[in-house]
């Protein structure tokens, strides 16, 4: 389904080459100052144009269709739309019969019996993260003064980001990314044990970002190589501060008051200029595939604002849920 959240609830909609994409936000409190300009910083960070990103340029100006009046949220559902104005659908015509390796062309066609909009990836496109970023802008206002910061740590396993990016561009390939996210100013006690743990809810929404293939909190997979005496975070004062943060700010699914830290692995984009092979369902045989069009060599460069947004959405939902119990 396309909805998430219990109190701060979002629903995304649209297709990459359809008329528009956007988000419907329900449960937003009234009285939050909000204007179109508030979205610019995070939307600009997500926008292509930098080296290694797609040449498709859209204005991405949000249209606040409901739920905002006289510069404030009203408490009613907020509908935000973004027009698609720069599409080249012909670039995708052949992918119905010759699906791109690694992309959702094949699975989408089968799940929806061929009725899916395949242009630009349709509803499976990273373009739909616009709605997530827009919902995140409002969520950040709700969770303030808590801070959320995400950044690219590695490209292609290399900390020299420019070198790794140049190499991928040179060989006409795409490359994966490791991205970190850190939350500060988080109170103790958010999250639930087991099914609604802080990690579970964050992970749920993080995997709504196309190309995410892995997530780890704190020490993450390194914990498998550690002793308990190394892993355990010593509590150093009455507030719960710890000497280390191997648990990533979460114990028992509940925030412990320390910074919440996690990292996300982004796979290389599926659409590459390098020759690949795929199955031709018309000819019923394998064939070469060279993908033309406008695509990202490193899609991960545009993910940090999206990662911040989904994190803010989860945090806003947790904080509002906590208030409802008190």
C-alpha atoms as a PDB file:
ATOM      1  CA  UNK A   1       0.000   0.000   0.000  1.00  0.00           C
ATOM      2  CA  UNK A   2       1.004   3.650  -0.297  1.00  0.00           C
ATOM      3  CA  UNK A   3       0.247   4.924   3.220  1.00  0.00           C
ATOM      4  CA  UNK A   4       2.294   5.045   6.426  1.00  0.00           C
ATOM      5  CA  UNK A   5       1.838   6.339   9.969  1.00  0.00           C
ATOM      6  CA  UNK A   6      -0.597   6.094  12.842  1.00  0.00           C
ATOM      7  CA  UNK A   7      -1.199   9.743  13.756  1.00  0.00           C
ATOM      8  CA  UNK A   8       1.062  11.676  11.368  1.00  0.00           C
ATOM      9  CA  UNK A   9      -0.061   9.675   8.349  1.00  0.00           C
ATOM     10  CA  UNK A  10       1.160  10.081   4.772  1.00  0.00           C
ATOM     11  CA  UNK A  11      -0.034   8.722   1.426  1.00  0.00           C
ATOM     12  CA  UNK A  12       2.069   9.192  -1.722  1.00  0.00           C
ATOM     13  CA  UNK A  13       0.681   9.168  -5.252  1.00  0.00           C
ATOM     14  CA  UNK A  14       1.563   9.716  -8.905  1.00  0.00           C
ATOM     15  CA  UNK A  15       3.869   8.344 -11.599  1.00  0.00           C
ATOM     16  CA  UNK A  16       7.190   9.556 -12.949  1.00  0.00           C
ATOM     17  CA  UNK A  17       5.756  10.586 -16.330  1.00  0.00           C
ATOM     18  CA  UNK A  18       2.154  11.136 -15.275  1.00  0.00           C
ATOM     19  CA  UNK A  19       0.613  14.555 -14.764  1.00  0.00           C
ATOM     20  CA  UNK A  20       1.915  14.952 -11.224  1.00  0.00           C
ATOM     21  CA  UNK A  21       3.256  13.350  -8.063  1.00  0.00           C
ATOM     22  CA  UNK A  22       2.594  14.305  -4.471  1.00  0.00           C
ATOM     23  CA  UNK A  23       1.605  13.458  -0.924  1.00  0.00           C
ATOM     24  CA  UNK A  24      -1.476  13.611   1.278  1.00  0.00           C
ATOM     25  CA  UNK A  25      -0.710  14.256   4.950  1.00  0.00           C
ATOM     26  CA  UNK A  26      -3.308  13.529   7.612  1.00  0.00           C
ATOM     27  CA  UNK A  27      -3.007  14.224  11.333  1.00  0.00           C
ATOM     28  CA  UNK A  28      -0.820  17.309  11.090  1.00  0.00           C
ATOM     29  CA  UNK A  29      -1.479  19.625  14.069  1.00  0.00           C
ATOM     30  CA  UNK A  30      -3.007  23.050  13.389  1.00  0.00           C
ATOM     31  CA  UNK A  31      -1.092  26.273  13.746  1.00  0.00           C
ATOM     32  CA  UNK A  32       2.243  25.261  12.203  1.00  0.00           C
ATOM     33  CA  UNK A  33       3.606  28.142  10.081  1.00  0.00           C
ATOM     34  CA  UNK A  34       3.961  26.890   6.510  1.00  0.00           C
ATOM     35  CA  UNK A  35       4.656  28.520   3.167  1.00  0.00           C
ATOM     36  CA  UNK A  36       5.967  27.346  -0.190  1.00  0.00           C
ATOM     37  CA  UNK A  37       9.412  28.804   0.526  1.00  0.00           C
ATOM     38  CA  UNK A  38       9.834  26.463   3.515  1.00  0.00           C
ATOM     39  CA  UNK A  39      10.248  23.513   1.142  1.00  0.00           C
ATOM     40  CA  UNK A  40      12.988  25.017  -1.033  1.00  0.00           C
ATOM     41  CA  UNK A  41      16.112  23.986   0.907  1.00  0.00           C
ATOM     42  CA  UNK A  42      15.367  20.265   1.094  1.00  0.00           C
ATOM     43  CA  UNK A  43      13.808  20.076  -2.369  1.00  0.00           C
ATOM     44  CA  UNK A  44      16.881  21.777  -3.846  1.00  0.00           C
ATOM     45  CA  UNK A  45      19.142  19.243  -2.103  1.00  0.00           C
ATOM     46  CA  UNK A  46      17.162  16.420  -3.693  1.00  0.00           C
ATOM     47  CA  UNK A  47      17.117  18.051  -7.137  1.00  0.00           C
ATOM     48  CA  UNK A  48      19.404  16.724  -9.900  1.00  0.00           C
ATOM     49  CA  UNK A  49      21.974  18.859 -11.655  1.00  0.00           C
ATOM     50  CA  UNK A  50      25.172  18.026  -9.820  1.00  0.00           C
ATOM     51  CA  UNK A  51      27.828  15.836 -11.423  1.00  0.00           C
ATOM     52  CA  UNK A  52      26.690  12.205 -11.533  1.00  0.00           C
ATOM     53  CA  UNK A  53      22.966  12.961 -11.422  1.00  0.00           C
ATOM     54  CA  UNK A  54      20.286  12.861 -14.102  1.00  0.00           C
ATOM     55  CA  UNK A  55      19.845  15.700 -16.595  1.00  0.00           C
ATOM     56  CA  UNK A  56      16.064  15.681 -16.109  1.00  0.00           C
ATOM     57  CA  UNK A  57      15.233  19.054 -14.572  1.00  0.00           C
ATOM     58  CA  UNK A  58      11.838  19.827 -13.076  1.00  0.00           C
ATOM     59  CA  UNK A  59      10.862  23.047 -11.252  1.00  0.00           C
ATOM     60  CA  UNK A  60       9.542  20.976  -8.303  1.00  0.00           C
ATOM     61  CA  UNK A  61       7.523  23.848  -6.870  1.00  0.00           C
ATOM     62  CA  UNK A  62       5.037  22.451  -4.327  1.00  0.00           C
ATOM     63  CA  UNK A  63       1.368  23.333  -4.749  1.00  0.00           C
ATOM     64  CA  UNK A  64      -0.341  23.449  -1.354  1.00  0.00           C
ATOM     65  CA  UNK A  65      -3.839  22.404  -2.349  1.00  0.00           C
ATOM     66  CA  UNK A  66      -5.479  22.022   1.062  1.00  0.00           C
ATOM     67  CA  UNK A  67      -4.861  22.101   4.800  1.00  0.00           C
ATOM     68  CA  UNK A  68      -3.027  25.442   4.796  1.00  0.00           C
ATOM     69  CA  UNK A  69      -4.731  28.813   5.319  1.00  0.00           C
ATOM     70  CA  UNK A  70      -3.254  32.253   5.984  1.00  0.00           C
ATOM     71  CA  UNK A  71       0.234  30.759   6.248  1.00  0.00           C
ATOM     72  CA  UNK A  72      -0.585  28.109   8.859  1.00  0.00           C
ATOM     73  CA  UNK A  73      -1.683  24.496   8.878  1.00  0.00           C
ATOM     74  CA  UNK A  74      -5.376  24.142   9.690  1.00  0.00           C
ATOM     75  CA  UNK A  75      -5.463  20.603  11.099  1.00  0.00           C
ATOM     76  CA  UNK A  76      -7.239  19.350   7.972  1.00  0.00           C
ATOM     77  CA  UNK A  77      -5.477  16.961   5.542  1.00  0.00           C
ATOM     78  CA  UNK A  78      -2.678  18.644   3.602  1.00  0.00           C
ATOM     79  CA  UNK A  79      -2.483  17.826  -0.110  1.00  0.00           C
ATOM     80  CA  UNK A  80       0.796  18.762  -1.816  1.00  0.00           C
ATOM     81  CA  UNK A  81       1.274  18.338  -5.580  1.00  0.00           C
ATOM     82  CA  UNK A  82       4.248  18.625  -7.923  1.00  0.00           C
ATOM     83  CA  UNK A  83       3.707  18.916 -11.681  1.00  0.00           C
ATOM     84  CA  UNK A  84       5.702  16.761 -14.109  1.00  0.00           C
ATOM     85  CA  UNK A  85       6.744  19.074 -16.935  1.00  0.00           C
ATOM     86  CA  UNK A  86       9.919  17.573 -18.431  1.00  0.00           C
ATOM     87  CA  UNK A  87       9.259  14.004 -19.565  1.00  0.00           C
ATOM     88  CA  UNK A  88      10.682  11.921 -22.422  1.00  0.00           C
ATOM     89  CA  UNK A  89       8.554   8.805 -22.295  1.00  0.00           C
ATOM     90  CA  UNK A  90       9.963   7.413 -25.543  1.00  0.00           C
ATOM     91  CA  UNK A  91      13.159   6.531 -23.689  1.00  0.00           C
ATOM     92  CA  UNK A  92      11.206   3.805 -21.851  1.00  0.00           C
ATOM     93  CA  UNK A  93       9.094   2.288 -24.636  1.00  0.00           C
ATOM     94  CA  UNK A  94      11.078  -0.939 -25.014  1.00  0.00           C
ATOM     95  CA  UNK A  95      11.241  -1.829 -21.322  1.00  0.00           C
ATOM     96  CA  UNK A  96       7.889  -3.619 -21.373  1.00  0.00           C
ATOM     97  CA  UNK A  97       9.353  -6.349 -23.563  1.00  0.00           C
ATOM     98  CA  UNK A  98      12.995  -6.031 -22.461  1.00  0.00           C
ATOM     99  CA  UNK A  99      12.950  -5.205 -18.731  1.00  0.00           C
ATOM    100  CA  UNK A 100      15.965  -3.517 -17.224  1.00  0.00           C
ATOM    101  CA  UNK A 101      18.087  -5.817 -15.046  1.00  0.00           C
ATOM    102  CA  UNK A 102      17.793  -4.760 -11.404  1.00  0.00           C
ATOM    103  CA  UNK A 103      14.727  -2.552 -11.947  1.00  0.00           C
ATOM    104  CA  UNK A 104      11.028  -3.109 -11.194  1.00  0.00           C
ATOM    105  CA  UNK A 105      10.009  -3.342 -14.874  1.00  0.00           C
ATOM    106  CA  UNK A 106       9.533  -7.121 -14.720  1.00  0.00           C
ATOM    107  CA  UNK A 107       7.911  -7.387 -11.282  1.00  0.00           C
ATOM    108  CA  UNK A 108       5.566  -4.417 -11.837  1.00  0.00           C
ATOM    109  CA  UNK A 109       4.381  -5.828 -15.167  1.00  0.00           C
ATOM    110  CA  UNK A 110       3.506  -9.150 -13.559  1.00  0.00           C
ATOM    111  CA  UNK A 111       1.967  -7.775 -10.367  1.00  0.00           C
ATOM    112  CA  UNK A 112      -0.369  -5.409 -12.225  1.00  0.00           C
ATOM    113  CA  UNK A 113      -1.037  -7.670 -15.218  1.00  0.00           C
ATOM    114  CA  UNK A 114       0.593  -5.241 -17.637  1.00  0.00           C
ATOM    115  CA  UNK A 115      -1.651  -2.305 -16.718  1.00  0.00           C
ATOM    116  CA  UNK A 116       1.097  -0.431 -14.836  1.00  0.00           C
ATOM    117  CA  UNK A 117       2.473   2.848 -16.201  1.00  0.00           C
ATOM    118  CA  UNK A 118       6.011   1.847 -17.182  1.00  0.00           C
ATOM    119  CA  UNK A 119       7.172   5.306 -18.332  1.00  0.00           C
ATOM    120  CA  UNK A 120      10.119   6.460 -16.253  1.00  0.00           C
ATOM    121  CA  UNK A 121       9.504   3.617 -13.845  1.00  0.00           C
ATOM    122  CA  UNK A 122       5.939   4.797 -13.221  1.00  0.00           C
ATOM    123  CA  UNK A 123       4.913   4.515  -9.568  1.00  0.00           C
ATOM    124  CA  UNK A 124       8.219   2.782  -8.791  1.00  0.00           C
ATOM    125  CA  UNK A 125      10.283   5.842  -9.711  1.00  0.00           C
ATOM    126  CA  UNK A 126      12.515   7.761  -7.351  1.00  0.00           C
ATOM    127  CA  UNK A 127      10.523  10.801  -8.448  1.00  0.00           C
ATOM    128  CA  UNK A 128       7.886   9.851  -5.885  1.00  0.00           C
ATOM    129  CA  UNK A 129      10.366  10.695  -3.121  1.00  0.00           C
ATOM    130  CA  UNK A 130       9.323  14.313  -3.727  1.00  0.00           C
ATOM    131  CA  UNK A 131       6.244  13.596  -1.636  1.00  0.00           C
ATOM    132  CA  UNK A 132       8.366  12.096   1.117  1.00  0.00           C
ATOM    133  CA  UNK A 133      10.617  15.159   1.222  1.00  0.00           C
ATOM    134  CA  UNK A 134       7.592  17.487   1.343  1.00  0.00           C
ATOM    135  CA  UNK A 135       6.053  15.537   4.229  1.00  0.00           C
ATOM    136  CA  UNK A 136       9.445  15.557   5.928  1.00  0.00           C
ATOM    137  CA  UNK A 137       9.695  19.351   5.775  1.00  0.00           C
ATOM    138  CA  UNK A 138       6.509  19.615   7.833  1.00  0.00           C
ATOM    139  CA  UNK A 139       7.565  16.764  10.127  1.00  0.00           C
ATOM    140  CA  UNK A 140      10.831  18.577  10.901  1.00  0.00           C
ATOM    141  CA  UNK A 141       8.767  21.506  12.168  1.00  0.00           C
ATOM    142  CA  UNK A 142       6.804  19.149  14.437  1.00  0.00           C
ATOM    143  CA  UNK A 143       9.899  17.467  15.932  1.00  0.00           C
ATOM    144  CA  UNK A 144      11.911  20.658  16.543  1.00  0.00           C
ATOM    145  CA  UNK A 145      14.210  21.239  18.398  1.00  0.00           C
ATOM    146  CA  UNK A 146      15.338  17.693  17.558  1.00  0.00           C
ATOM    147  CA  UNK A 147      17.839  17.734  14.693  1.00  0.00           C
ATOM    148  CA  UNK A 148      18.297  15.244  11.845  1.00  0.00           C
ATOM    149  CA  UNK A 149      21.387  15.226   9.626  1.00  0.00           C
ATOM    150  CA  UNK A 150      22.214  12.849   6.802  1.00  0.00           C
ATOM    151  CA  UNK A 151      25.279  12.769   4.564  1.00  0.00           C
ATOM    152  CA  UNK A 152      27.088  10.607   2.023  1.00  0.00           C
ATOM    153  CA  UNK A 153      29.902   8.659   3.698  1.00  0.00           C
ATOM    154  CA  UNK A 154      31.187   6.537   0.820  1.00  0.00           C
ATOM    155  CA  UNK A 155      30.670   6.041  -2.916  1.00  0.00           C
ATOM    156  CA  UNK A 156      31.504   2.620  -4.267  1.00  0.00           C
ATOM    157  CA  UNK A 157      33.153   1.730  -0.949  1.00  0.00           C
ATOM    158  CA  UNK A 158      35.518   4.699  -1.286  1.00  0.00           C
ATOM    159  CA  UNK A 159      35.699   7.689   1.054  1.00  0.00           C
ATOM    160  CA  UNK A 160      37.154   9.741  -1.790  1.00  0.00           C
ATOM    161  CA  UNK A 161      33.738  10.596  -3.183  1.00  0.00           C
ATOM    162  CA  UNK A 162      34.883  12.522  -6.234  1.00  0.00           C
ATOM    163  CA  UNK A 163      37.337   9.822  -7.337  1.00  0.00           C
ATOM    164  CA  UNK A 164      34.711   7.080  -7.104  1.00  0.00           C
ATOM    165  CA  UNK A 165      32.133   9.174  -8.933  1.00  0.00           C
ATOM    166  CA  UNK A 166      34.504  10.114 -11.765  1.00  0.00           C
ATOM    167  CA  UNK A 167      35.418   6.457 -12.250  1.00  0.00           C
ATOM    168  CA  UNK A 168      31.769   5.404 -12.589  1.00  0.00           C
ATOM    169  CA  UNK A 169      31.093   8.188 -15.111  1.00  0.00           C
ATOM    170  CA  UNK A 170      34.205   7.286 -17.096  1.00  0.00           C
ATOM    171  CA  UNK A 171      33.213   3.637 -17.541  1.00  0.00           C
ATOM    172  CA  UNK A 172      29.543   4.542 -18.205  1.00  0.00           C
ATOM    173  CA  UNK A 173      28.341   2.655 -15.153  1.00  0.00           C
ATOM    174  CA  UNK A 174      26.513   3.481 -11.939  1.00  0.00           C
ATOM    175  CA  UNK A 175      27.785   3.152  -8.392  1.00  0.00           C
ATOM    176  CA  UNK A 176      26.401   2.479  -4.917  1.00  0.00           C
ATOM    177  CA  UNK A 177      26.516   4.691  -1.850  1.00  0.00           C
ATOM    178  CA  UNK A 178      26.743   4.489   1.937  1.00  0.00           C
ATOM    179  CA  UNK A 179      24.754   7.198   3.721  1.00  0.00           C
ATOM    180  CA  UNK A 180      24.655   8.035   7.420  1.00  0.00           C
ATOM    181  CA  UNK A 181      21.879   9.630   9.454  1.00  0.00           C
ATOM    182  CA  UNK A 182      22.072  11.076  12.963  1.00  0.00           C
ATOM    183  CA  UNK A 183      19.257  12.283  15.226  1.00  0.00           C
ATOM    184  CA  UNK A 184      20.030  14.483  18.228  1.00  0.00           C
ATOM    185  CA  UNK A 185      17.806  15.949  20.903  1.00  0.00           C
ATOM    186  CA  UNK A 186      15.652  12.808  21.070  1.00  0.00           C
ATOM    187  CA  UNK A 187      13.911  12.167  24.419  1.00  0.00           C
ATOM    188  CA  UNK A 188      14.112   8.847  26.241  1.00  0.00           C
ATOM    189  CA  UNK A 189      11.173   6.500  25.777  1.00  0.00           C
ATOM    190  CA  UNK A 190      10.080   6.723  22.125  1.00  0.00           C
ATOM    191  CA  UNK A 191       9.260   3.436  20.432  1.00  0.00           C
ATOM    192  CA  UNK A 192       7.716   0.165  21.490  1.00  0.00           C
ATOM    193  CA  UNK A 193       9.152  -3.302  22.090  1.00  0.00           C
ATOM    194  CA  UNK A 194       9.038  -5.829  19.259  1.00  0.00           C
ATOM    195  CA  UNK A 195       6.827  -4.884  16.300  1.00  0.00           C
ATOM    196  CA  UNK A 196       6.848  -1.090  16.664  1.00  0.00           C
ATOM    197  CA  UNK A 197      10.431  -0.684  17.834  1.00  0.00           C
ATOM    198  CA  UNK A 198      12.202   2.518  16.831  1.00  0.00           C
ATOM    199  CA  UNK A 199      14.394   0.461  14.497  1.00  0.00           C
ATOM    200  CA  UNK A 200      11.364  -1.298  12.966  1.00  0.00           C
ATOM    201  CA  UNK A 201       9.489   1.893  12.129  1.00  0.00           C
ATOM    202  CA  UNK A 202      12.565   3.681  10.776  1.00  0.00           C
ATOM    203  CA  UNK A 203      13.501   0.652   8.686  1.00  0.00           C
ATOM    204  CA  UNK A 204       9.949   0.304   7.366  1.00  0.00           C
ATOM    205  CA  UNK A 205       9.924   3.804   5.915  1.00  0.00           C
ATOM    206  CA  UNK A 206      13.593   3.837   4.899  1.00  0.00           C
ATOM    207  CA  UNK A 207      12.885   0.894   2.601  1.00  0.00           C
ATOM    208  CA  UNK A 208      10.233   2.992   0.849  1.00  0.00           C
ATOM    209  CA  UNK A 209      13.151   4.898  -0.700  1.00  0.00           C
ATOM    210  CA  UNK A 210      13.924   3.230  -4.039  1.00  0.00           C
ATOM    211  CA  UNK A 211      17.413   1.638  -4.204  1.00  0.00           C
ATOM    212  CA  UNK A 212      17.795   1.096  -0.424  1.00  0.00           C
ATOM    213  CA  UNK A 213      19.234  -2.381   0.143  1.00  0.00           C
ATOM    214  CA  UNK A 214      20.433  -2.341   3.744  1.00  0.00           C
ATOM    215  CA  UNK A 215      20.318  -0.541   7.073  1.00  0.00           C
ATOM    216  CA  UNK A 216      22.306  -0.838  10.300  1.00  0.00           C
ATOM    217  CA  UNK A 217      21.990   0.929  13.650  1.00  0.00           C
ATOM    218  CA  UNK A 218      24.998   1.852  15.776  1.00  0.00           C
ATOM    219  CA  UNK A 219      27.707  -0.792  15.450  1.00  0.00           C
ATOM    220  CA  UNK A 220      25.391  -2.660  13.091  1.00  0.00           C
ATOM    221  CA  UNK A 221      26.876  -5.738  11.459  1.00  0.00           C
ATOM    222  CA  UNK A 222      30.185  -5.188  13.261  1.00  0.00           C
ATOM    223  CA  UNK A 223      28.359  -6.277  16.414  1.00  0.00           C
ATOM    224  CA  UNK A 224      28.569  -9.847  15.121  1.00  0.00           C
ATOM    225  CA  UNK A 225      32.363  -9.681  15.591  1.00  0.00           C
ATOM    226  CA  UNK A 226      32.336  -8.074  19.047  1.00  0.00           C
ATOM    227  CA  UNK A 227      32.321  -9.305  22.639  1.00  0.00           C
ATOM    228  CA  UNK A 228      29.601  -8.142  24.988  1.00  0.00           C
ATOM    229  CA  UNK A 229      32.207  -6.207  26.963  1.00  0.00           C
ATOM    230  CA  UNK A 230      32.999  -4.262  23.778  1.00  0.00           C
ATOM    231  CA  UNK A 231      29.426  -3.851  22.560  1.00  0.00           C
ATOM    232  CA  UNK A 232      27.795  -2.740  25.807  1.00  0.00           C
ATOM    233  CA  UNK A 233      27.436   1.042  26.148  1.00  0.00           C
ATOM    234  CA  UNK A 234      28.383   2.100  29.696  1.00  0.00           C
ATOM    235  CA  UNK A 235      25.855   4.481  31.266  1.00  0.00           C
ATOM    236  CA  UNK A 236      27.807   7.438  32.652  1.00  0.00           C
ATOM    237  CA  UNK A 237      25.207   9.691  34.309  1.00  0.00           C
ATOM    238  CA  UNK A 238      21.617   9.905  35.550  1.00  0.00           C
ATOM    239  CA  UNK A 239      20.346  11.149  32.162  1.00  0.00           C
ATOM    240  CA  UNK A 240      21.394   7.886  30.530  1.00  0.00           C
ATOM    241  CA  UNK A 241      24.370   9.241  28.568  1.00  0.00           C
ATOM    242  CA  UNK A 242      26.720   6.479  27.464  1.00  0.00           C
ATOM    243  CA  UNK A 243      30.461   6.300  26.886  1.00  0.00           C
ATOM    244  CA  UNK A 244      29.957   4.650  23.481  1.00  0.00           C
ATOM    245  CA  UNK A 245      26.968   4.399  21.162  1.00  0.00           C
ATOM    246  CA  UNK A 246      27.171   0.894  19.730  1.00  0.00           C
ATOM    247  CA  UNK A 247      23.418   0.487  20.202  1.00  0.00           C
ATOM    248  CA  UNK A 248      22.784   3.540  18.037  1.00  0.00           C
ATOM    249  CA  UNK A 249      20.714   5.327  20.703  1.00  0.00           C
ATOM    250  CA  UNK A 250      18.136   2.539  21.014  1.00  0.00           C
ATOM    251  CA  UNK A 251      17.683  -0.250  23.589  1.00  0.00           C
ATOM    252  CA  UNK A 252      14.775  -2.673  23.543  1.00  0.00           C
ATOM    253  CA  UNK A 253      13.286  -0.803  20.601  1.00  0.00           C
ATOM    254  CA  UNK A 254      13.090   2.385  22.706  1.00  0.00           C
ATOM    255  CA  UNK A 255      15.156   5.569  22.398  1.00  0.00           C
ATOM    256  CA  UNK A 256      17.653   5.895  25.263  1.00  0.00           C
ATOM    257  CA  UNK A 257      18.344   9.625  24.977  1.00  0.00           C
ATOM    258  CA  UNK A 258      21.657   9.328  23.154  1.00  0.00           C
ATOM    259  CA  UNK A 259      22.010  10.258  19.479  1.00  0.00           C
ATOM    260  CA  UNK A 260      20.204   7.800  17.203  1.00  0.00           C
ATOM    261  CA  UNK A 261      22.647   6.794  14.492  1.00  0.00           C
ATOM    262  CA  UNK A 262      22.187   4.529  11.504  1.00  0.00           C
ATOM    263  CA  UNK A 263      23.595   3.941   8.034  1.00  0.00           C
ATOM    264  CA  UNK A 264      21.875   2.974   4.804  1.00  0.00           C
ATOM    265  CA  UNK A 265      23.245   1.153   1.758  1.00  0.00           C
ATOM    266  CA  UNK A 266      22.031   2.450  -1.627  1.00  0.00           C
ATOM    267  CA  UNK A 267      22.474   0.158  -4.600  1.00  0.00           C
ATOM    268  CA  UNK A 268      23.764   1.425  -7.957  1.00  0.00           C
ATOM    269  CA  UNK A 269      21.039   2.741 -10.267  1.00  0.00           C
ATOM    270  CA  UNK A 270      19.742   0.070 -12.653  1.00  0.00           C
ATOM    271  CA  UNK A 271      19.687   2.284 -15.766  1.00  0.00           C
ATOM    272  CA  UNK A 272      23.225   2.458 -17.129  1.00  0.00           C
ATOM    273  CA  UNK A 273      24.751   3.236 -20.524  1.00  0.00           C
ATOM    274  CA  UNK A 274      27.003   0.201 -20.383  1.00  0.00           C
ATOM    275  CA  UNK A 275      25.877  -2.800 -22.439  1.00  0.00           C
ATOM    276  CA  UNK A 276      23.911  -5.377 -20.424  1.00  0.00           C
ATOM    277  CA  UNK A 277      21.942  -8.462 -21.270  1.00  0.00           C
ATOM    278  CA  UNK A 278      18.290  -9.091 -20.519  1.00  0.00           C
ATOM    279  CA  UNK A 279      15.470 -11.333 -21.684  1.00  0.00           C
ATOM    280  CA  UNK A 280      13.375 -10.233 -24.671  1.00  0.00           C
ATOM    281  CA  UNK A 281       9.814 -11.429 -24.036  1.00  0.00           C
ATOM    282  CA  UNK A 282       8.788 -10.784 -27.644  1.00  0.00           C
ATOM    283  CA  UNK A 283      11.650 -12.709 -29.220  1.00  0.00           C
ATOM    284  CA  UNK A 284      11.813 -15.150 -26.286  1.00  0.00           C
ATOM    285  CA  UNK A 285      15.573 -15.036 -26.061  1.00  0.00           C
ATOM    286  CA  UNK A 286      18.394 -13.138 -24.404  1.00  0.00           C
ATOM    287  CA  UNK A 287      19.531  -9.909 -26.062  1.00  0.00           C
ATOM    288  CA  UNK A 288      21.850  -6.949 -25.533  1.00  0.00           C
ATOM    289  CA  UNK A 289      20.434  -3.864 -23.843  1.00  0.00           C
ATOM    290  CA  UNK A 290      21.960  -0.385 -23.960  1.00  0.00           C
ATOM    291  CA  UNK A 291      19.865   2.101 -22.009  1.00  0.00           C
ATOM    292  CA  UNK A 292      19.555   5.579 -23.457  1.00  0.00           C
ATOM    293  CA  UNK A 293      18.063   8.588 -21.698  1.00  0.00           C
ATOM    294  CA  UNK A 294      18.744  10.648 -18.579  1.00  0.00           C
ATOM    295  CA  UNK A 295      19.834   8.673 -15.548  1.00  0.00           C
ATOM    296  CA  UNK A 296      21.890   8.995 -12.364  1.00  0.00           C
ATOM    297  CA  UNK A 297      25.411   7.582 -12.210  1.00  0.00           C
ATOM    298  CA  UNK A 298      25.116   7.858  -8.431  1.00  0.00           C
ATOM    299  CA  UNK A 299      21.517   8.037  -7.211  1.00  0.00           C
ATOM    300  CA  UNK A 300      22.761   8.084  -3.620  1.00  0.00           C
ATOM    301  CA  UNK A 301      23.919  11.693  -3.993  1.00  0.00           C
ATOM    302  CA  UNK A 302      20.269  12.770  -3.881  1.00  0.00           C
ATOM    303  CA  UNK A 303      19.189  10.514  -1.020  1.00  0.00           C
ATOM    304  CA  UNK A 304      20.318  12.420   2.147  1.00  0.00           C
ATOM    305  CA  UNK A 305      17.340  14.863   2.170  1.00  0.00           C
ATOM    306  CA  UNK A 306      14.974  11.944   1.513  1.00  0.00           C
ATOM    307  CA  UNK A 307      16.514   9.954   4.369  1.00  0.00           C
ATOM    308  CA  UNK A 308      16.158  12.945   6.693  1.00  0.00           C
ATOM    309  CA  UNK A 309      12.539  13.311   5.599  1.00  0.00           C
ATOM    310  CA  UNK A 310      11.451   9.723   6.289  1.00  0.00           C
ATOM    311  CA  UNK A 311      13.256   9.836   9.630  1.00  0.00           C
ATOM    312  CA  UNK A 312      11.438  13.036  10.577  1.00  0.00           C
ATOM    313  CA  UNK A 313       8.106  11.469   9.562  1.00  0.00           C
ATOM    314  CA  UNK A 314       8.687   8.489  11.868  1.00  0.00           C
ATOM    315  CA  UNK A 315       9.874  10.731  14.687  1.00  0.00           C
ATOM    316  CA  UNK A 316       6.858  13.036  14.354  1.00  0.00           C
ATOM    317  CA  UNK A 317       4.536  10.033  14.479  1.00  0.00           C
ATOM    318  CA  UNK A 318       6.284   8.698  17.604  1.00  0.00           C
ATOM    319  CA  UNK A 319       6.164  12.072  19.389  1.00  0.00           C
ATOM    320  CA  UNK A 320       2.486  12.613  18.590  1.00  0.00           C
ATOM    321  CA  UNK A 321       1.663   9.067  19.671  1.00  0.00           C
ATOM    322  CA  UNK A 322       3.513   9.636  22.953  1.00  0.00           C
ATOM    323  CA  UNK A 323       1.503  12.803  23.605  1.00  0.00           C
ATOM    324  CA  UNK A 324      -1.751  10.941  22.991  1.00  0.00           C
ATOM    325  CA  UNK A 325      -0.933   8.608  25.915  1.00  0.00           C
ATOM    326  CA  UNK A 326      -0.401  11.463  28.378  1.00  0.00           C
END
